[in-house]
Structure formats: structure tokens, C-alpha cells
Amino acid sequence: MASRIDQVMQYHQTALSLRAARQELLASNIANADTPNYKAKDIDFASALQGAMAGRSGSLSMATTSPRHIEGAAAGGGLLAGQVQVKYRNVIQPSADGNTVDMDVERAQFADNALRYEASVKFVGDEFKDVLTALQG
């Protein structure tokens, strides 16, 4: 029974860590909405979670398009090393100053991610209640 509990809690811990790191990236995008040449970043949550649960290892890195690009540190680097690759968001409507942040997209993604984070927290609470009920019964 302990291994089943560990598996469920490991999944939720990983999902919450990824959601928190994604929230930091989205907040960074919103904070830099007026910064010239800032490129909006995001992660593919589903593939990151799948990679994390499969136990892939490596380092957290930005997607680069040239070997001359400098490796940068992304939000949550220590927390999620090897489980996620930060990517640039596709440009919907380019701006004159080179900034790729679309505030409508960022706000919607931020709200969606926050809602999913809260749902994950609720699921963890429900799992603990179920375990407690099983132990008391």
C-alpha cells in the first residue's frame, strides 16, 4: 500500500512543481510585456510531466536555434532540472519593438495554469483524506 501512496503523491508533487515553474515563466512574460525584444517563453506541460514521470535526466535549458546562443537559466531551474525544456512562444502578432508577449494570451494561460494548480492541490488533499479514512476504518 505504501508504494501506491508514494506513486500518487510523487505524481502530484511533480505536477505541482511543474505548474509552479510554469506560473513563474508566465509571470515573467507578463512583467516583460513592455521590454523591447523580449521573447515570450513557455513549457509544454504535458510532455514535461510525462518526461518527469519517466525519470528522464538532463539539464533545464532554453531551446536554441544557433550554436552561438548562450545557455540561460530559466525559472525553476533547480526545482525541475532535466524534466522540462523552456521554449519560445509562437508569435501571433509581431510588434514593432520585437516583443512577442501577447497580454491576452499570457493572462489566459496564467489564469488557466493557476486554476489547474489549485485543482491539483485539492486532489492532493482528497488523497490524504482517503488515506486517513482507510487507516481509521
C-alpha atoms as a PDB file:
ATOM      1  CA  MET A   1       0.000   0.000   0.000  1.00  0.00           C
ATOM      2  CA  ALA A   2       2.877   2.367   0.748  1.00  0.00           C
ATOM      3  CA  SER A   3       4.190   2.117  -2.803  1.00  0.00           C
ATOM      4  CA  ARG A   4       0.763   3.043  -4.227  1.00  0.00           C
ATOM      5  CA  ILE A   5       0.591   6.080  -1.948  1.00  0.00           C
ATOM      6  CA  ASP A   6       4.132   7.044  -2.908  1.00  0.00           C
ATOM      7  CA  GLN A   7       3.283   6.806  -6.619  1.00  0.00           C
ATOM      8  CA  VAL A   8       0.204   9.001  -6.284  1.00  0.00           C
ATOM      9  CA  MET A   9       1.990  11.586  -4.167  1.00  0.00           C
ATOM     10  CA  GLN A  10       5.035  11.607  -6.467  1.00  0.00           C
ATOM     11  CA  TYR A  11       2.768  12.353  -9.425  1.00  0.00           C
ATOM     12  CA  HIS A  12       1.060  15.234  -7.620  1.00  0.00           C
ATOM     13  CA  GLN A  13       4.369  16.611  -6.308  1.00  0.00           C
ATOM     14  CA  THR A  14       5.820  16.618  -9.811  1.00  0.00           C
ATOM     15  CA  ALA A  15       2.699  18.169 -11.326  1.00  0.00           C
ATOM     16  CA  LEU A  16       2.626  20.919  -8.691  1.00  0.00           C
ATOM     17  CA  SER A  17       6.330  21.669  -9.186  1.00  0.00           C
ATOM     18  CA  LEU A  18       5.851  21.942 -12.943  1.00  0.00           C
ATOM     19  CA  ARG A  19       2.774  24.141 -12.531  1.00  0.00           C
ATOM     20  CA  ALA A  20       4.690  26.453 -10.164  1.00  0.00           C
ATOM     21  CA  ALA A  21       7.607  26.739 -12.596  1.00  0.00           C
ATOM     22  CA  ARG A  22       5.225  27.448 -15.478  1.00  0.00           C
ATOM     23  CA  GLN A  23       3.482  30.108 -13.395  1.00  0.00           C
ATOM     24  CA  GLU A  24       6.852  31.820 -12.865  1.00  0.00           C
ATOM     25  CA  LEU A  25       7.520  31.788 -16.611  1.00  0.00           C
ATOM     26  CA  LEU A  26       4.098  33.234 -17.393  1.00  0.00           C
ATOM     27  CA  ALA A  27       4.518  35.913 -14.720  1.00  0.00           C
ATOM     28  CA  SER A  28       7.896  36.775 -16.227  1.00  0.00           C
ATOM     29  CA  ASN A  29       6.275  37.147 -19.635  1.00  0.00           C
ATOM     30  CA  ILE A  30       3.626  39.486 -18.218  1.00  0.00           C
ATOM     31  CA  ALA A  31       6.233  41.519 -16.326  1.00  0.00           C
ATOM     32  CA  ASN A  32       8.255  41.963 -19.516  1.00  0.00           C
ATOM     33  CA  ALA A  33       5.334  42.893 -21.778  1.00  0.00           C
ATOM     34  CA  ASP A  34       6.879  46.309 -22.488  1.00  0.00           C
ATOM     35  CA  THR A  35      10.512  45.200 -22.726  1.00  0.00           C
ATOM     36  CA  PRO A  36      11.869  45.652 -26.258  1.00  0.00           C
ATOM     37  CA  ASN A  37      12.977  42.415 -27.957  1.00  0.00           C
ATOM     38  CA  TYR A  38      11.705  40.240 -25.090  1.00  0.00           C
ATOM     39  CA  LYS A  39      10.617  36.817 -26.325  1.00  0.00           C
ATOM     40  CA  ALA A  40       7.711  35.160 -24.509  1.00  0.00           C
ATOM     41  CA  LYS A  41       8.576  31.720 -23.056  1.00  0.00           C
ATOM     42  CA  ASP A  42       6.521  28.741 -22.003  1.00  0.00           C
ATOM     43  CA  ILE A  43       6.757  24.992 -21.477  1.00  0.00           C
ATOM     44  CA  ASP A  44       4.767  22.086 -22.872  1.00  0.00           C
ATOM     45  CA  PHE A  45       3.264  20.919 -19.592  1.00  0.00           C
ATOM     46  CA  ALA A  46       2.050  17.514 -20.805  1.00  0.00           C
ATOM     47  CA  SER A  47       5.388  16.460 -22.281  1.00  0.00           C
ATOM     48  CA  ALA A  48       7.270  17.897 -19.294  1.00  0.00           C
ATOM     49  CA  LEU A  49       5.120  15.891 -16.869  1.00  0.00           C
ATOM     50  CA  GLN A  50       5.475  12.775 -18.971  1.00  0.00           C
ATOM     51  CA  GLY A  51       9.257  13.214 -19.070  1.00  0.00           C
ATOM     52  CA  ALA A  52       9.440  13.859 -15.344  1.00  0.00           C
ATOM     53  CA  MET A  53       7.403  10.773 -14.511  1.00  0.00           C
ATOM     54  CA  ALA A  54       9.512   8.677 -16.897  1.00  0.00           C
ATOM     55  CA  GLY A  55      12.585   9.780 -14.945  1.00  0.00           C
ATOM     56  CA  ARG A  56      14.446  11.457 -17.779  1.00  0.00           C
ATOM     57  CA  SER A  57      17.532  13.290 -16.685  1.00  0.00           C
ATOM     58  CA  GLY A  58      19.442  16.193 -18.140  1.00  0.00           C
ATOM     59  CA  SER A  59      19.571  19.900 -17.573  1.00  0.00           C
ATOM     60  CA  LEU A  60      16.962  22.606 -17.815  1.00  0.00           C
ATOM     61  CA  SER A  61      17.748  24.641 -20.884  1.00  0.00           C
ATOM     62  CA  MET A  62      16.330  27.100 -23.347  1.00  0.00           C
ATOM     63  CA  ALA A  63      15.647  25.916 -26.861  1.00  0.00           C
ATOM     64  CA  THR A  64      18.356  27.413 -29.056  1.00  0.00           C
ATOM     65  CA  THR A  65      18.455  27.898 -32.793  1.00  0.00           C
ATOM     66  CA  SER A  66      22.156  28.657 -33.140  1.00  0.00           C
ATOM     67  CA  PRO A  67      25.264  27.100 -31.612  1.00  0.00           C
ATOM     68  CA  ARG A  68      26.379  30.634 -30.709  1.00  0.00           C
ATOM     69  CA  HIS A  69      23.443  31.155 -28.315  1.00  0.00           C
ATOM     70  CA  ILE A  70      24.392  31.396 -24.652  1.00  0.00           C
ATOM     71  CA  GLU A  71      22.765  28.907 -22.311  1.00  0.00           C
ATOM     72  CA  GLY A  72      20.488  30.797 -19.910  1.00  0.00           C
ATOM     73  CA  ALA A  73      18.910  29.935 -16.594  1.00  0.00           C
ATOM     74  CA  ALA A  74      15.134  29.604 -16.592  1.00  0.00           C
ATOM     75  CA  ALA A  75      12.648  29.955 -13.757  1.00  0.00           C
ATOM     76  CA  GLY A  76      12.537  26.914 -11.521  1.00  0.00           C
ATOM     77  CA  GLY A  77      15.847  25.592 -12.826  1.00  0.00           C
ATOM     78  CA  GLY A  78      16.895  23.914  -9.609  1.00  0.00           C
ATOM     79  CA  LEU A  79      13.457  22.503  -8.991  1.00  0.00           C
ATOM     80  CA  LEU A  80      12.886  20.840 -12.349  1.00  0.00           C
ATOM     81  CA  ALA A  81      16.294  20.069 -13.767  1.00  0.00           C
ATOM     82  CA  GLY A  82      16.024  17.589 -16.595  1.00  0.00           C
ATOM     83  CA  GLN A  83      12.251  17.494 -16.699  1.00  0.00           C
ATOM     84  CA  VAL A  84      11.313  20.449 -18.863  1.00  0.00           C
ATOM     85  CA  GLN A  85      12.628  22.439 -21.767  1.00  0.00           C
ATOM     86  CA  VAL A  86      11.697  26.101 -21.895  1.00  0.00           C
ATOM     87  CA  LYS A  87      10.650  27.191 -25.378  1.00  0.00           C
ATOM     88  CA  TYR A  88       9.789  30.455 -27.065  1.00  0.00           C
ATOM     89  CA  ARG A  89       6.082  31.045 -27.633  1.00  0.00           C
ATOM     90  CA  ASN A  90       4.904  31.321 -31.243  1.00  0.00           C
ATOM     91  CA  VAL A  91       4.298  34.910 -32.341  1.00  0.00           C
ATOM     92  CA  ILE A  92       0.639  35.655 -33.024  1.00  0.00           C
ATOM     93  CA  GLN A  93       1.036  39.301 -33.910  1.00  0.00           C
ATOM     94  CA  PRO A  94       4.552  40.765 -34.094  1.00  0.00           C
ATOM     95  CA  SER A  95       5.231  44.131 -32.510  1.00  0.00           C
ATOM     96  CA  ALA A  96       7.399  46.968 -33.798  1.00  0.00           C
ATOM     97  CA  ASP A  97       9.871  46.660 -30.898  1.00  0.00           C
ATOM     98  CA  GLY A  98      10.407  42.893 -31.303  1.00  0.00           C
ATOM     99  CA  ASN A  99       8.493  41.927 -28.143  1.00  0.00           C
ATOM    100  CA  THR A 100       6.456  38.724 -28.612  1.00  0.00           C
ATOM    101  CA  VAL A 101       4.314  38.942 -25.450  1.00  0.00           C
ATOM    102  CA  ASP A 102       0.575  38.937 -26.206  1.00  0.00           C
ATOM    103  CA  MET A 103      -1.079  40.040 -22.966  1.00  0.00           C
ATOM    104  CA  ASP A 104      -4.405  38.361 -23.802  1.00  0.00           C
ATOM    105  CA  VAL A 105      -2.684  35.013 -24.324  1.00  0.00           C
ATOM    106  CA  GLU A 106      -0.475  35.428 -21.247  1.00  0.00           C
ATOM    107  CA  ARG A 107      -3.363  36.370 -18.950  1.00  0.00           C
ATOM    108  CA  ALA A 108      -5.462  33.451 -20.208  1.00  0.00           C
ATOM    109  CA  GLN A 109      -2.570  30.997 -19.777  1.00  0.00           C
ATOM    110  CA  PHE A 110      -1.765  32.432 -16.330  1.00  0.00           C
ATOM    111  CA  ALA A 111      -5.381  32.039 -15.150  1.00  0.00           C
ATOM    112  CA  ASP A 112      -5.665  28.524 -16.633  1.00  0.00           C
ATOM    113  CA  ASN A 113      -2.424  27.408 -15.007  1.00  0.00           C
ATOM    114  CA  ALA A 114      -3.446  28.885 -11.636  1.00  0.00           C
ATOM    115  CA  LEU A 115      -6.791  27.086 -11.794  1.00  0.00           C
ATOM    116  CA  ARG A 116      -5.106  23.791 -12.626  1.00  0.00           C
ATOM    117  CA  TYR A 117      -2.618  24.314  -9.780  1.00  0.00           C
ATOM    118  CA  GLU A 118      -5.485  24.811  -7.320  1.00  0.00           C
ATOM    119  CA  ALA A 119      -7.206  21.691  -8.663  1.00  0.00           C
ATOM    120  CA  SER A 120      -4.022  19.680  -8.111  1.00  0.00           C
ATOM    121  CA  VAL A 121      -3.798  20.950  -4.532  1.00  0.00           C
ATOM    122  CA  LYS A 122      -7.412  19.870  -3.979  1.00  0.00           C
ATOM    123  CA  PHE A 123      -6.680  16.416  -5.420  1.00  0.00           C
ATOM    124  CA  VAL A 124      -3.743  16.008  -3.026  1.00  0.00           C
ATOM    125  CA  GLY A 125      -5.972  16.987  -0.095  1.00  0.00           C
ATOM    126  CA  ASP A 126      -8.591  14.482  -1.196  1.00  0.00           C
ATOM    127  CA  GLU A 127      -5.959  11.742  -1.484  1.00  0.00           C
ATOM    128  CA  PHE A 128      -4.826  12.401   2.089  1.00  0.00           C
ATOM    129  CA  LYS A 129      -8.435  12.309   3.302  1.00  0.00           C
ATOM    130  CA  ASP A 130      -8.947   8.960   1.562  1.00  0.00           C
ATOM    131  CA  VAL A 131      -5.790   7.520   3.131  1.00  0.00           C
ATOM    132  CA  LEU A 132      -6.818   8.794   6.560  1.00  0.00           C
ATOM    133  CA  THR A 133     -10.283   7.285   6.164  1.00  0.00           C
ATOM    134  CA  ALA A 134      -8.779   3.949   5.133  1.00  0.00           C
ATOM    135  CA  LEU A 135      -6.421   3.944   8.129  1.00  0.00           C
ATOM    136  CA  GLN A 136      -9.181   4.826  10.593  1.00  0.00           C
ATOM    137  CA  GLY A 137     -11.731   2.364   9.132  1.00  0.00           C
END
